């Protein structure tokens, strides 16, 4: 969805028209679900939280101002709800990094290859779980939610250079942890 369509849909939602909400859900639901899935640890919790995100969006869309980046606003809501849910229920913060449930192993993959991929995913999960929350958040926003560094900087309320430096440091820490897991 381009910026003009997004603004039109937001205006429709702010006026109480349901027609604007469907395209927004369609445009962001998959990325939000992936982000929430990795934060919360299982698909059911992620789906429940995704519904909460969109309920919150409907309830607060009138407060949204177009000067903000909508994607950042939306992911901030998702991140806050996920952190609240984690605090309330003491959930494991991340799902094991298995092959995504909707894709599964490919029929032309050998069992050895699938096992090797799972081992790498498990090592990544273990390393991610050892990172500080801020480091983990910036990596999830960039690599799993596919947000630009400009949007991440706006989301975190910091300059672009700071977001880039934080991501670089977090990636370095993750690489170090991955090397430790491999030894």
Foldseek 3Di string as FASTA:
>chain_A
DDPVLLVVLLVCLLVVHPVSLVVVCVVQVVLQLQLLQFFFAHNVRSVVLSVVLSVVCSVCSNVDDPVADVVLVSVLSSVVSSVVVCVVPVGQGGHQQADPPVPPDDPPDDPVVNVVVSVLSNLLSVLLSPDDPVLSVLCCCCPRSVDDLVSVCSSVVHDSVVSVVSPVVSVVSSVVSSVVVVD
